[in-house]
PDB file of N, CA and C in Angstrom:
ATOM      1  N   VAL A   1      15.136   8.181   8.189  1.00  0.00           N
ATOM      2  CA  VAL A   1      14.068   7.292   7.293  1.00  0.00           C
ATOM      3  C   VAL A   1      13.042   8.047   6.841  1.00  0.00           C
ATOM      4  N   GLN A   2      12.795   7.703   5.333  1.00  0.00           N
ATOM      5  CA  GLN A   2      11.771   8.570   4.813  1.00  0.00           C
ATOM      6  C   GLN A   2      10.993   7.421   3.887  1.00  0.00           C
ATOM      7  N   LEU A   3       9.804   7.649   3.664  1.00  0.00           N
ATOM      8  CA  LEU A   3       8.985   6.900   2.800  1.00  0.00           C
ATOM      9  C   LEU A   3       7.903   8.001   2.238  1.00  0.00           C
ATOM     10  N   GLN A   4       8.052   8.088   0.807  1.00  0.00           N
ATOM     11  CA  GLN A   4       7.234   9.015  -0.009  1.00  0.00           C
ATOM     12  C   GLN A   4       6.328   8.467  -0.975  1.00  0.00           C
ATOM     13  N   ALA A   5       5.075   8.492  -0.719  1.00  0.00           N
ATOM     14  CA  ALA A   5       4.187   7.916  -1.342  1.00  0.00           C
ATOM     15  C   ALA A   5       3.524   8.786  -2.521  1.00  0.00           C
ATOM     16  N   SER A   6       3.109   8.121  -3.575  1.00  0.00           N
ATOM     17  CA  SER A   6       2.545   8.981  -4.731  1.00  0.00           C
ATOM     18  C   SER A   6       1.753   7.987  -5.561  1.00  0.00           C
ATOM     19  N   GLY A   7       0.908   8.328  -6.433  1.00  0.00           N
ATOM     20  CA  GLY A   7       0.245   7.772  -7.524  1.00  0.00           C
ATOM     21  C   GLY A   7      -1.186   7.682  -7.357  1.00  0.00           C
ATOM     22  N   GLY A   8      -1.814   8.376  -6.369  1.00  0.00           N
ATOM     23  CA  GLY A   8      -3.178   8.502  -5.950  1.00  0.00           C
ATOM     24  C   GLY A   8      -3.945   9.335  -7.131  1.00  0.00           C
ATOM     25  N   GLY A   9      -5.252   9.110  -7.111  1.00  0.00           N
ATOM     26  CA  GLY A   9      -5.869   9.928  -7.979  1.00  0.00           C
ATOM     27  C   GLY A   9      -7.461   9.526  -7.993  1.00  0.00           C
ATOM     28  N   SER A  10      -8.155   9.934  -9.174  1.00  0.00           N
ATOM     29  CA  SER A  10      -9.587   9.771  -9.263  1.00  0.00           C
ATOM     30  C   SER A  10      -9.742   8.807 -10.374  1.00  0.00           C
ATOM     31  N   VAL A  11     -10.490   7.807 -10.156  1.00  0.00           N
ATOM     32  CA  VAL A  11     -10.875   6.841 -11.307  1.00  0.00           C
ATOM     33  C   VAL A  11     -12.432   6.532 -11.225  1.00  0.00           C
ATOM     34  N   GLN A  12     -12.912   5.930 -12.467  1.00  0.00           N
ATOM     35  CA  GLN A  12     -14.242   5.238 -12.380  1.00  0.00           C
ATOM     36  C   GLN A  12     -14.063   3.834 -11.876  1.00  0.00           C
ATOM     37  N   ALA A  13     -15.267   3.233 -11.335  1.00  0.00           N
ATOM     38  CA  ALA A  13     -15.397   1.919 -10.930  1.00  0.00           C
ATOM     39  C   ALA A  13     -14.780   1.170 -12.115  1.00  0.00           C
ATOM     40  N   GLY A  14     -14.139   0.087 -11.791  1.00  0.00           N
ATOM     41  CA  GLY A  14     -13.527  -0.687 -12.756  1.00  0.00           C
ATOM     42  C   GLY A  14     -12.138  -0.494 -13.402  1.00  0.00           C
ATOM     43  N   GLY A  15     -11.821   0.768 -12.849  1.00  0.00           N
ATOM     44  CA  GLY A  15     -10.290   1.296 -13.486  1.00  0.00           C
ATOM     45  C   GLY A  15      -9.283   0.908 -12.489  1.00  0.00           C
ATOM     46  N   SER A  16      -8.232   1.409 -12.809  1.00  0.00           N
ATOM     47  CA  SER A  16      -6.802   0.932 -12.371  1.00  0.00           C
ATOM     48  C   SER A  16      -6.003   2.068 -11.849  1.00  0.00           C
ATOM     49  N   LEU A  17      -5.309   1.928 -10.776  1.00  0.00           N
ATOM     50  CA  LEU A  17      -4.076   2.723 -10.453  1.00  0.00           C
ATOM     51  C   LEU A  17      -2.909   1.928  -9.994  1.00  0.00           C
ATOM     52  N   ARG A  18      -1.787   2.747 -10.005  1.00  0.00           N
ATOM     53  CA  ARG A  18      -0.588   2.234  -9.494  1.00  0.00           C
ATOM     54  C   ARG A  18       0.000   2.982  -8.342  1.00  0.00           C
ATOM     55  N   LEU A  19       0.130   2.690  -7.109  1.00  0.00           N
ATOM     56  CA  LEU A  19       0.629   3.580  -6.016  1.00  0.00           C
ATOM     57  C   LEU A  19       2.144   3.048  -6.150  1.00  0.00           C
ATOM     58  N   SER A  20       2.920   4.241  -5.626  1.00  0.00           N
ATOM     59  CA  SER A  20       4.534   3.888  -5.495  1.00  0.00           C
ATOM     60  C   SER A  20       4.895   4.710  -4.230  1.00  0.00           C
ATOM     61  N   CYS A  21       5.803   4.186  -3.645  1.00  0.00           N
ATOM     62  CA  CYS A  21       6.386   4.536  -2.407  1.00  0.00           C
ATOM     63  C   CYS A  21       7.818   4.446  -2.388  1.00  0.00           C
ATOM     64  N   VAL A  22       8.791   5.457  -2.377  1.00  0.00           N
ATOM     65  CA  VAL A  22      10.176   5.548  -2.485  1.00  0.00           C
ATOM     66  C   VAL A  22      10.493   5.258  -0.905  1.00  0.00           C
ATOM     67  N   ALA A  23      11.403   4.304  -0.547  1.00  0.00           N
ATOM     68  CA  ALA A  23      11.685   4.056   0.915  1.00  0.00           C
ATOM     69  C   ALA A  23      13.247   4.351   1.020  1.00  0.00           C
ATOM     70  N   SER A  24      13.707   4.980   1.820  1.00  0.00           N
ATOM     71  CA  SER A  24      15.190   5.263   2.017  1.00  0.00           C
ATOM     72  C   SER A  24      15.660   5.627   3.523  1.00  0.00           C
ATOM     73  N   GLY A  25      16.899   5.333   3.801  1.00  0.00           N
ATOM     74  CA  GLY A  25      17.133   5.704   5.138  1.00  0.00           C
ATOM     75  C   GLY A  25      17.830   4.607   6.147  1.00  0.00           C
ATOM     76  N   THR A  26      17.213   3.349   5.639  1.00  0.00           N
ATOM     77  CA  THR A  26      17.752   2.185   6.429  1.00  0.00           C
ATOM     78  C   THR A  26      17.245   1.009   5.615  1.00  0.00           C
ATOM     79  N   THR A  27      17.663  -0.190   6.029  1.00  0.00           N
ATOM     80  CA  THR A  27      17.418  -1.532   5.434  1.00  0.00           C
ATOM     81  C   THR A  27      16.176  -1.782   6.174  1.00  0.00           C
ATOM     82  N   PHE A  28      15.095  -2.493   5.132  1.00  0.00           N
ATOM     83  CA  PHE A  28      13.928  -2.949   5.621  1.00  0.00           C
ATOM     84  C   PHE A  28      13.864  -4.533   5.444  1.00  0.00           C
ATOM     85  N   GLY A  29      13.038  -5.045   6.324  1.00  0.00           N
ATOM     86  CA  GLY A  29      12.668  -6.394   6.098  1.00  0.00           C
ATOM     87  C   GLY A  29      11.371  -6.854   5.382  1.00  0.00           C
ATOM     88  N   GLY A  30      10.408  -5.805   5.694  1.00  0.00           N
ATOM     89  CA  GLY A  30       9.139  -5.963   5.032  1.00  0.00           C
ATOM     90  C   GLY A  30       8.379  -4.606   4.907  1.00  0.00           C
ATOM     91  N   TYR A  31       7.191  -4.542   3.957  1.00  0.00           N
ATOM     92  CA  TYR A  31       6.524  -3.456   3.985  1.00  0.00           C
ATOM     93  C   TYR A  31       5.016  -3.766   3.721  1.00  0.00           C
ATOM     94  N   ALA A  32       4.446  -2.646   3.671  1.00  0.00           N
ATOM     95  CA  ALA A  32       2.909  -2.863   3.633  1.00  0.00           C
ATOM     96  C   ALA A  32       2.015  -1.686   3.058  1.00  0.00           C
ATOM     97  N   TRP A  33       1.081  -1.802   2.621  1.00  0.00           N
ATOM     98  CA  TRP A  33       0.000  -0.805   2.488  1.00  0.00           C
ATOM     99  C   TRP A  33      -1.102  -0.870   3.282  1.00  0.00           C
ATOM    100  N   PHE A  34      -1.338   0.427   3.903  1.00  0.00           N
ATOM    101  CA  PHE A  34      -2.786   0.301   4.643  1.00  0.00           C
ATOM    102  C   PHE A  34      -3.663   1.447   3.877  1.00  0.00           C
ATOM    103  N   ARG A  35      -4.799   1.595   4.443  1.00  0.00           N
ATOM    104  CA  ARG A  35      -5.786   2.461   3.875  1.00  0.00           C
ATOM    105  C   ARG A  35      -6.803   2.957   5.074  1.00  0.00           C
ATOM    106  N   GLN A  36      -7.263   4.244   4.941  1.00  0.00           N
ATOM    107  CA  GLN A  36      -8.083   4.997   5.829  1.00  0.00           C
ATOM    108  C   GLN A  36      -9.144   5.783   5.177  1.00  0.00           C
ATOM    109  N   ALA A  37     -10.330   5.161   5.107  1.00  0.00           N
ATOM    110  CA  ALA A  37     -11.438   5.846   4.610  1.00  0.00           C
ATOM    111  C   ALA A  37     -12.044   6.761   5.711  1.00  0.00           C
ATOM    112  N   PRO A  38     -12.761   7.784   5.164  1.00  0.00           N
ATOM    113  CA  PRO A  38     -13.333   9.033   6.042  1.00  0.00           C
ATOM    114  C   PRO A  38     -14.279   8.318   7.137  1.00  0.00           C
ATOM    115  N   GLY A  39     -13.833   8.562   8.473  1.00  0.00           N
ATOM    116  CA  GLY A  39     -14.532   8.274   9.565  1.00  0.00           C
ATOM    117  C   GLY A  39     -14.420   6.654   9.899  1.00  0.00           C
ATOM    118  N   LYS A  40     -13.345   6.139   9.184  1.00  0.00           N
ATOM    119  CA  LYS A  40     -12.875   4.676   9.719  1.00  0.00           C
ATOM    120  C   LYS A  40     -11.497   4.663  10.183  1.00  0.00           C
ATOM    121  N   GLU A  41     -11.249   3.492  10.847  1.00  0.00           N
ATOM    122  CA  GLU A  41      -9.922   3.101  11.429  1.00  0.00           C
ATOM    123  C   GLU A  41      -8.976   2.803  10.338  1.00  0.00           C
ATOM    124  N   ARG A  42      -7.592   3.053  10.264  1.00  0.00           N
ATOM    125  CA  ARG A  42      -6.602   2.715   9.264  1.00  0.00           C
ATOM    126  C   ARG A  42      -6.744   1.134   9.275  1.00  0.00           C
ATOM    127  N   GLU A  43      -6.939   0.584   7.952  1.00  0.00           N
ATOM    128  CA  GLU A  43      -6.990  -0.918   7.923  1.00  0.00           C
ATOM    129  C   GLU A  43      -5.784  -1.504   7.058  1.00  0.00           C
ATOM    130  N   PHE A  44      -5.615  -2.675   7.317  1.00  0.00           N
ATOM    131  CA  PHE A  44      -4.429  -3.488   6.222  1.00  0.00           C
ATOM    132  C   PHE A  44      -5.072  -3.712   5.019  1.00  0.00           C
ATOM    133  N   VAL A  45      -4.175  -3.520   3.775  1.00  0.00           N
ATOM    134  CA  VAL A  45      -4.380  -3.708   2.692  1.00  0.00           C
ATOM    135  C   VAL A  45      -3.608  -5.135   2.066  1.00  0.00           C
ATOM    136  N   ALA A  46      -2.243  -4.890   2.119  1.00  0.00           N
ATOM    137  CA  ALA A  46      -1.301  -5.747   1.750  1.00  0.00           C
ATOM    138  C   ALA A  46       0.134  -5.458   2.176  1.00  0.00           C
ATOM    139  N   ALA A  47       0.890  -6.827   2.449  1.00  0.00           N
ATOM    140  CA  ALA A  47       2.002  -6.815   3.113  1.00  0.00           C
ATOM    141  C   ALA A  47       3.003  -7.894   2.392  1.00  0.00           C
ATOM    142  N   SER A  48       4.168  -7.518   2.377  1.00  0.00           N
ATOM    143  CA  SER A  48       5.269  -8.325   1.706  1.00  0.00           C
ATOM    144  C   SER A  48       6.350  -8.308   2.572  1.00  0.00           C
ATOM    145  N   SER A  49       7.494  -9.432   2.436  1.00  0.00           N
ATOM    146  CA  SER A  49       8.532  -9.390   2.978  1.00  0.00           C
ATOM    147  C   SER A  49       9.401  -8.710   1.774  1.00  0.00           C
ATOM    148  N   TRP A  50      10.615  -8.170   2.269  1.00  0.00           N
ATOM    149  CA  TRP A  50      11.369  -7.473   1.173  1.00  0.00           C
ATOM    150  C   TRP A  50      11.684  -8.121   0.025  1.00  0.00           C
ATOM    151  N   ARG A  51      12.045  -9.319   0.158  1.00  0.00           N
ATOM    152  CA  ARG A  51      12.490  -9.980  -1.133  1.00  0.00           C
ATOM    153  C   ARG A  51      11.054 -10.620  -1.963  1.00  0.00           C
ATOM    154  N   GLY A  52       9.967 -10.545  -1.309  1.00  0.00           N
ATOM    155  CA  GLY A  52       8.767 -10.897  -1.779  1.00  0.00           C
ATOM    156  C   GLY A  52       8.532 -12.347  -1.734  1.00  0.00           C
ATOM    157  N   GLU A  53       8.977 -13.263  -0.829  1.00  0.00           N
ATOM    158  CA  GLU A  53       8.847 -14.535  -0.649  1.00  0.00           C
ATOM    159  C   GLU A  53       7.549 -14.738   0.048  1.00  0.00           C
ATOM    160  N   TYR A  54       7.118 -13.731   0.894  1.00  0.00           N
ATOM    161  CA  TYR A  54       6.143 -13.741   1.689  1.00  0.00           C
ATOM    162  C   TYR A  54       5.086 -12.744   1.180  1.00  0.00           C
ATOM    163  N   LYS A  55       3.764 -12.901   1.006  1.00  0.00           N
ATOM    164  CA  LYS A  55       2.826 -11.816   0.688  1.00  0.00           C
ATOM    165  C   LYS A  55       1.600 -12.163   1.376  1.00  0.00           C
ATOM    166  N   ASP A  56       0.971 -11.255   1.422  1.00  0.00           N
ATOM    167  CA  ASP A  56      -0.464 -11.360   2.201  1.00  0.00           C
ATOM    168  C   ASP A  56      -1.320 -10.021   1.956  1.00  0.00           C
ATOM    169  N   TYR A  57      -2.684 -10.662   1.814  1.00  0.00           N
ATOM    170  CA  TYR A  57      -3.668  -9.588   1.336  1.00  0.00           C
ATOM    171  C   TYR A  57      -5.102  -9.570   2.211  1.00  0.00           C
ATOM    172  N   ALA A  58      -5.479  -8.544   2.210  1.00  0.00           N
ATOM    173  CA  ALA A  58      -6.792  -8.392   2.900  1.00  0.00           C
ATOM    174  C   ALA A  58      -7.845  -9.112   1.921  1.00  0.00           C
ATOM    175  N   ASP A  59      -8.748  -9.766   2.621  1.00  0.00           N
ATOM    176  CA  ASP A  59      -9.887 -10.301   1.626  1.00  0.00           C
ATOM    177  C   ASP A  59     -10.566  -9.404   0.692  1.00  0.00           C
ATOM    178  N   SER A  60     -10.621  -8.283   1.228  1.00  0.00           N
ATOM    179  CA  SER A  60     -11.550  -7.469   0.318  1.00  0.00           C
ATOM    180  C   SER A  60     -10.654  -6.980  -0.941  1.00  0.00           C
ATOM    181  N   VAL A  61      -9.315  -7.187  -0.892  1.00  0.00           N
ATOM    182  CA  VAL A  61      -8.644  -6.762  -2.282  1.00  0.00           C
ATOM    183  C   VAL A  61      -7.986  -8.081  -3.015  1.00  0.00           C
ATOM    184  N   LYS A  62      -8.054  -9.163  -2.355  1.00  0.00           N
ATOM    185  CA  LYS A  62      -7.396 -10.225  -2.897  1.00  0.00           C
ATOM    186  C   LYS A  62      -7.935 -10.623  -4.448  1.00  0.00           C
ATOM    187  N   GLY A  63      -6.952 -10.818  -5.156  1.00  0.00           N
ATOM    188  CA  GLY A  63      -7.392 -11.098  -6.648  1.00  0.00           C
ATOM    189  C   GLY A  63      -7.387  -9.765  -7.449  1.00  0.00           C
ATOM    190  N   ARG A  64      -7.353  -8.576  -6.768  1.00  0.00           N
ATOM    191  CA  ARG A  64      -7.396  -7.386  -7.468  1.00  0.00           C
ATOM    192  C   ARG A  64      -6.229  -6.581  -7.343  1.00  0.00           C
ATOM    193  N   PHE A  65      -5.550  -6.340  -6.278  1.00  0.00           N
ATOM    194  CA  PHE A  65      -4.586  -5.847  -5.810  1.00  0.00           C
ATOM    195  C   PHE A  65      -3.110  -6.711  -5.772  1.00  0.00           C
ATOM    196  N   THR A  66      -1.982  -5.937  -6.237  1.00  0.00           N
ATOM    197  CA  THR A  66      -0.880  -6.716  -6.116  1.00  0.00           C
ATOM    198  C   THR A  66       0.237  -5.927  -5.541  1.00  0.00           C
ATOM    199  N   ILE A  67       0.802  -6.534  -4.637  1.00  0.00           N
ATOM    200  CA  ILE A  67       2.130  -5.737  -3.926  1.00  0.00           C
ATOM    201  C   ILE A  67       3.415  -6.044  -4.400  1.00  0.00           C
ATOM    202  N   GLY A  68       4.409  -5.078  -4.717  1.00  0.00           N
ATOM    203  CA  GLY A  68       5.656  -5.660  -5.138  1.00  0.00           C
ATOM    204  C   GLY A  68       6.647  -4.422  -4.912  1.00  0.00           C
ATOM    205  N   ARG A  69       7.849  -4.738  -5.535  1.00  0.00           N
ATOM    206  CA  ARG A  69       8.960  -3.745  -4.988  1.00  0.00           C
ATOM    207  C   ARG A  69       9.840  -3.915  -6.198  1.00  0.00           C
ATOM    208  N   ASP A  70      10.468  -2.754  -6.879  1.00  0.00           N
ATOM    209  CA  ASP A  70      11.398  -2.646  -7.905  1.00  0.00           C
ATOM    210  C   ASP A  70      12.733  -3.151  -7.216  1.00  0.00           C
ATOM    211  N   ASN A  71      13.334  -4.092  -7.897  1.00  0.00           N
ATOM    212  CA  ASN A  71      14.549  -4.709  -7.261  1.00  0.00           C
ATOM    213  C   ASN A  71      15.857  -3.740  -7.752  1.00  0.00           C
ATOM    214  N   THR A  72      15.500  -2.823  -8.526  1.00  0.00           N
ATOM    215  CA  THR A  72      16.675  -1.917  -8.767  1.00  0.00           C
ATOM    216  C   THR A  72      16.611  -0.788  -7.914  1.00  0.00           C
ATOM    217  N   ASP A  73      15.730  -0.613  -7.098  1.00  0.00           N
ATOM    218  CA  ASP A  73      15.929   0.489  -6.146  1.00  0.00           C
ATOM    219  C   ASP A  73      14.718   0.211  -5.105  1.00  0.00           C
ATOM    220  N   ASN A  74      14.498   1.158  -4.168  1.00  0.00           N
ATOM    221  CA  ASN A  74      13.640   0.721  -3.042  1.00  0.00           C
ATOM    222  C   ASN A  74      12.358   1.551  -3.297  1.00  0.00           C
ATOM    223  N   THR A  75      11.730   1.203  -4.451  1.00  0.00           N
ATOM    224  CA  THR A  75      10.404   1.901  -4.840  1.00  0.00           C
ATOM    225  C   THR A  75       9.226   0.729  -4.505  1.00  0.00           C
ATOM    226  N   LEU A  76       8.538   0.627  -3.725  1.00  0.00           N
ATOM    227  CA  LEU A  76       7.463  -0.194  -3.403  1.00  0.00           C
ATOM    228  C   LEU A  76       6.268   0.317  -4.083  1.00  0.00           C
ATOM    229  N   HIS A  77       5.415  -0.862  -4.560  1.00  0.00           N
ATOM    230  CA  HIS A  77       4.404  -0.542  -5.378  1.00  0.00           C
ATOM    231  C   HIS A  77       3.198  -1.320  -4.873  1.00  0.00           C
ATOM    232  N   LEU A  78       1.923  -0.701  -5.299  1.00  0.00           N
ATOM    233  CA  LEU A  78       0.647  -1.412  -5.169  1.00  0.00           C
ATOM    234  C   LEU A  78      -0.212  -1.240  -6.155  1.00  0.00           C
ATOM    235  N   ARG A  79      -0.462  -2.376  -7.048  1.00  0.00           N
ATOM    236  CA  ARG A  79      -1.067  -2.149  -8.262  1.00  0.00           C
ATOM    237  C   ARG A  79      -2.439  -2.608  -8.079  1.00  0.00           C
ATOM    238  N   MET A  80      -3.652  -1.640  -8.238  1.00  0.00           N
ATOM    239  CA  MET A  80      -4.960  -1.753  -7.989  1.00  0.00           C
ATOM    240  C   MET A  80      -5.892  -1.828  -9.177  1.00  0.00           C
ATOM    241  N   ASN A  81      -6.520  -2.903  -9.601  1.00  0.00           N
ATOM    242  CA  ASN A  81      -7.300  -3.368 -10.650  1.00  0.00           C
ATOM    243  C   ASN A  81      -8.677  -3.367 -10.153  1.00  0.00           C
ATOM    244  N   SER A  82      -9.639  -3.314 -11.042  1.00  0.00           N
ATOM    245  CA  SER A  82     -11.153  -3.526 -10.724  1.00  0.00           C
ATOM    246  C   SER A  82     -11.383  -2.661  -9.493  1.00  0.00           C
ATOM    247  N   LEU A  83     -11.082  -1.513  -9.595  1.00  0.00           N
ATOM    248  CA  LEU A  83     -11.456  -0.673  -8.300  1.00  0.00           C
ATOM    249  C   LEU A  83     -12.903  -0.430  -8.170  1.00  0.00           C
ATOM    250  N   LYS A  84     -13.314  -0.277  -6.903  1.00  0.00           N
ATOM    251  CA  LYS A  84     -14.539  -0.229  -6.484  1.00  0.00           C
ATOM    252  C   LYS A  84     -14.701   1.058  -5.497  1.00  0.00           C
ATOM    253  N   PRO A  85     -16.008   1.707  -5.591  1.00  0.00           N
ATOM    254  CA  PRO A  85     -15.976   3.145  -4.882  1.00  0.00           C
ATOM    255  C   PRO A  85     -15.706   2.534  -3.263  1.00  0.00           C
ATOM    256  N   GLU A  86     -15.786   1.377  -2.854  1.00  0.00           N
ATOM    257  CA  GLU A  86     -15.511   1.149  -1.440  1.00  0.00           C
ATOM    258  C   GLU A  86     -13.909   1.084  -1.180  1.00  0.00           C
ATOM    259  N   ASP A  87     -13.355   1.335  -2.266  1.00  0.00           N
ATOM    260  CA  ASP A  87     -11.803   1.442  -2.157  1.00  0.00           C
ATOM    261  C   ASP A  87     -11.188   2.962  -2.032  1.00  0.00           C
ATOM    262  N   THR A  88     -12.115   3.757  -1.896  1.00  0.00           N
ATOM    263  CA  THR A  88     -11.866   5.166  -1.840  1.00  0.00           C
ATOM    264  C   THR A  88     -11.409   5.243  -0.458  1.00  0.00           C
ATOM    265  N   ALA A  89     -10.256   5.937  -0.463  1.00  0.00           N
ATOM    266  CA  ALA A  89      -9.609   5.979   0.793  1.00  0.00           C
ATOM    267  C   ALA A  89      -8.097   7.008   0.829  1.00  0.00           C
ATOM    268  N   LEU A  90      -7.505   7.233   1.821  1.00  0.00           N
ATOM    269  CA  LEU A  90      -6.197   7.667   1.779  1.00  0.00           C
ATOM    270  C   LEU A  90      -5.324   6.411   2.179  1.00  0.00           C
ATOM    271  N   TYR A  91      -4.308   6.232   1.306  1.00  0.00           N
ATOM    272  CA  TYR A  91      -3.439   4.940   1.192  1.00  0.00           C
ATOM    273  C   TYR A  91      -2.071   5.227   1.599  1.00  0.00           C
ATOM    274  N   TYR A  92      -1.569   4.369   2.679  1.00  0.00           N
ATOM    275  CA  TYR A  92      -0.284   4.535   3.257  1.00  0.00           C
ATOM    276  C   TYR A  92       0.688   3.544   3.029  1.00  0.00           C
ATOM    277  N   CYS A  93       1.849   3.858   2.740  1.00  0.00           N
ATOM    278  CA  CYS A  93       2.940   2.865   2.687  1.00  0.00           C
ATOM    279  C   CYS A  93       3.666   2.707   4.018  1.00  0.00           C
ATOM    280  N   ALA A  94       4.220   1.474   4.535  1.00  0.00           N
ATOM    281  CA  ALA A  94       4.661   1.331   5.707  1.00  0.00           C
ATOM    282  C   ALA A  94       5.797   0.445   5.458  1.00  0.00           C
ATOM    283  N   ALA A  95       6.847   0.489   6.454  1.00  0.00           N
ATOM    284  CA  ALA A  95       8.150  -0.335   6.172  1.00  0.00           C
ATOM    285  C   ALA A  95       8.674  -0.667   7.612  1.00  0.00           C
ATOM    286  N   ARG A  96       9.089  -1.934   7.858  1.00  0.00           N
ATOM    287  CA  ARG A  96       9.965  -2.142   9.118  1.00  0.00           C
ATOM    288  C   ARG A  96      10.913  -3.326   8.993  1.00  0.00           C
ATOM    289  N   ALA A  97      11.527  -3.739  10.015  1.00  0.00           N
ATOM    290  CA  ALA A  97      12.454  -4.749  10.045  1.00  0.00           C
ATOM    291  C   ALA A  97      12.021  -6.018   9.403  1.00  0.00           C
ATOM    292  N   ARG A  98      10.651  -6.310   9.767  1.00  0.00           N
ATOM    293  CA  ARG A  98      10.245  -7.711   9.544  1.00  0.00           C
ATOM    294  C   ARG A  98       8.699  -7.551   9.210  1.00  0.00           C
ATOM    295  N   TRP A  99       8.375  -8.356   7.924  1.00  0.00           N
ATOM    296  CA  TRP A  99       7.069  -7.904   7.443  1.00  0.00           C
ATOM    297  C   TRP A  99       6.042  -8.541   8.516  1.00  0.00           C
ATOM    298  N   SER A 100       4.934  -7.638   8.385  1.00  0.00           N
ATOM    299  CA  SER A 100       3.653  -7.892   9.285  1.00  0.00           C
ATOM    300  C   SER A 100       2.341  -7.247   8.615  1.00  0.00           C
ATOM    301  N   ARG A 101       1.450  -7.832   8.999  1.00  0.00           N
ATOM    302  CA  ARG A 101      -0.026  -7.189   8.697  1.00  0.00           C
ATOM    303  C   ARG A 101      -0.634  -6.469   9.589  1.00  0.00           C
ATOM    304  N   ARG A 102       0.113  -6.337  10.818  1.00  0.00           N
ATOM    305  CA  ARG A 102      -0.404  -5.525  11.962  1.00  0.00           C
ATOM    306  C   ARG A 102      -0.082  -4.126  11.852  1.00  0.00           C
ATOM    307  N   ARG A 103      -0.947  -3.184  11.734  1.00  0.00           N
ATOM    308  CA  ARG A 103      -0.643  -1.693  11.761  1.00  0.00           C
ATOM    309  C   ARG A 103       0.230  -1.249  12.833  1.00  0.00           C
ATOM    310  N   ASP A 104      -0.024  -1.663  14.162  1.00  0.00           N
ATOM    311  CA  ASP A 104       0.820  -1.352  15.294  1.00  0.00           C
ATOM    312  C   ASP A 104       2.209  -1.757  15.288  1.00  0.00           C
ATOM    313  N   ASP A 105       2.429  -2.481  14.259  1.00  0.00           N
ATOM    314  CA  ASP A 105       3.774  -3.022  14.228  1.00  0.00           C
ATOM    315  C   ASP A 105       4.720  -2.099  13.582  1.00  0.00           C
ATOM    316  N   TYR A 106       4.182  -1.098  12.804  1.00  0.00           N
ATOM    317  CA  TYR A 106       4.959  -0.395  11.935  1.00  0.00           C
ATOM    318  C   TYR A 106       5.120   1.052  12.440  1.00  0.00           C
ATOM    319  N   THR A 107       6.571   1.380  12.285  1.00  0.00           N
ATOM    320  CA  THR A 107       6.782   2.769  13.053  1.00  0.00           C
ATOM    321  C   THR A 107       7.276   3.758  11.996  1.00  0.00           C
ATOM    322  N   PHE A 108       7.508   3.286  10.791  1.00  0.00           N
ATOM    323  CA  PHE A 108       7.825   4.013   9.452  1.00  0.00           C
ATOM    324  C   PHE A 108       6.695   4.212   8.666  1.00  0.00           C
ATOM    325  N   TRP A 109       6.368   5.404   8.319  1.00  0.00           N
ATOM    326  CA  TRP A 109       5.096   5.675   7.512  1.00  0.00           C
ATOM    327  C   TRP A 109       5.578   6.719   6.416  1.00  0.00           C
ATOM    328  N   GLY A 110       4.623   6.372   5.262  1.00  0.00           N
ATOM    329  CA  GLY A 110       4.739   7.451   4.225  1.00  0.00           C
ATOM    330  C   GLY A 110       3.470   8.428   4.484  1.00  0.00           C
ATOM    331  N   GLN A 111       3.363   9.587   3.861  1.00  0.00           N
ATOM    332  CA  GLN A 111       2.357  10.401   3.987  1.00  0.00           C
ATOM    333  C   GLN A 111       1.106   9.554   3.090  1.00  0.00           C
ATOM    334  N   GLY A 112      -0.205   9.807   3.228  1.00  0.00           N
ATOM    335  CA  GLY A 112      -1.158   9.201   2.643  1.00  0.00           C
ATOM    336  C   GLY A 112      -1.312   9.821   1.129  1.00  0.00           C
ATOM    337  N   THR A 113      -1.724   8.864   0.354  1.00  0.00           N
ATOM    338  CA  THR A 113      -1.995   9.461  -1.123  1.00  0.00           C
ATOM    339  C   THR A 113      -3.461   9.271  -1.416  1.00  0.00           C
ATOM    340  N   LEU A 114      -4.140   9.908  -1.929  1.00  0.00           N
ATOM    341  CA  LEU A 114      -5.842   9.578  -1.919  1.00  0.00           C
ATOM    342  C   LEU A 114      -6.015   9.103  -3.115  1.00  0.00           C
ATOM    343  N   VAL A 115      -6.812   8.081  -3.247  1.00  0.00           N
ATOM    344  CA  VAL A 115      -7.443   7.196  -3.822  1.00  0.00           C
ATOM    345  C   VAL A 115      -9.027   7.522  -4.031  1.00  0.00           C
ATOM    346  N   THR A 116      -9.458   8.034  -5.127  1.00  0.00           N
ATOM    347  CA  THR A 116     -11.208   8.403  -5.101  1.00  0.00           C
ATOM    348  C   THR A 116     -11.539   7.380  -6.118  1.00  0.00           C
ATOM    349  N   VAL A 117     -12.670   6.719  -6.042  1.00  0.00           N
ATOM    350  CA  VAL A 117     -13.181   5.606  -7.013  1.00  0.00           C
ATOM    351  C   VAL A 117     -14.652   6.126  -7.100  1.00  0.00           C
ATOM    352  N   SER A 118     -15.153   6.548  -8.200  1.00  0.00           N
ATOM    353  CA  SER A 118     -16.550   6.887  -8.411  1.00  0.00           C
ATOM    354  C   SER A 118     -17.259   5.823  -9.138  1.00  0.00           C
ATOM    355  N   SER A 119     -18.625   5.694  -8.702  1.00  0.00           N
ATOM    356  CA  SER A 119     -19.537   4.826  -9.518  1.00  0.00           C
ATOM    357  C   SER A 119     -20.042   5.426 -10.763  1.00  0.00           C
TER     358      SER A 119
END
């Protein structure tokens, strides 16, 4: 099983980024994005069932971030708009048999991709 994340970068406040994560090796039922800022614990950002019928977002990103997946392949996405300096963090994709917003439920993780938002 492999999750390969990409798409991080540096943007100014108000800008946008799209993170991607290629998932392979098994069949998943749900996936999520988490983030970890320096000196803080890894926190939930967004989660979705594999087919997209269920989605959930952290209050801090609701209305600005959109989680999704390409139906043609197993590429997971996190579209981030109206970025704020407090969104600066390492962003991780994760997948499992059933969707969840709980960090400890996930065993398959991608490597982090860094998002830096300057004011």
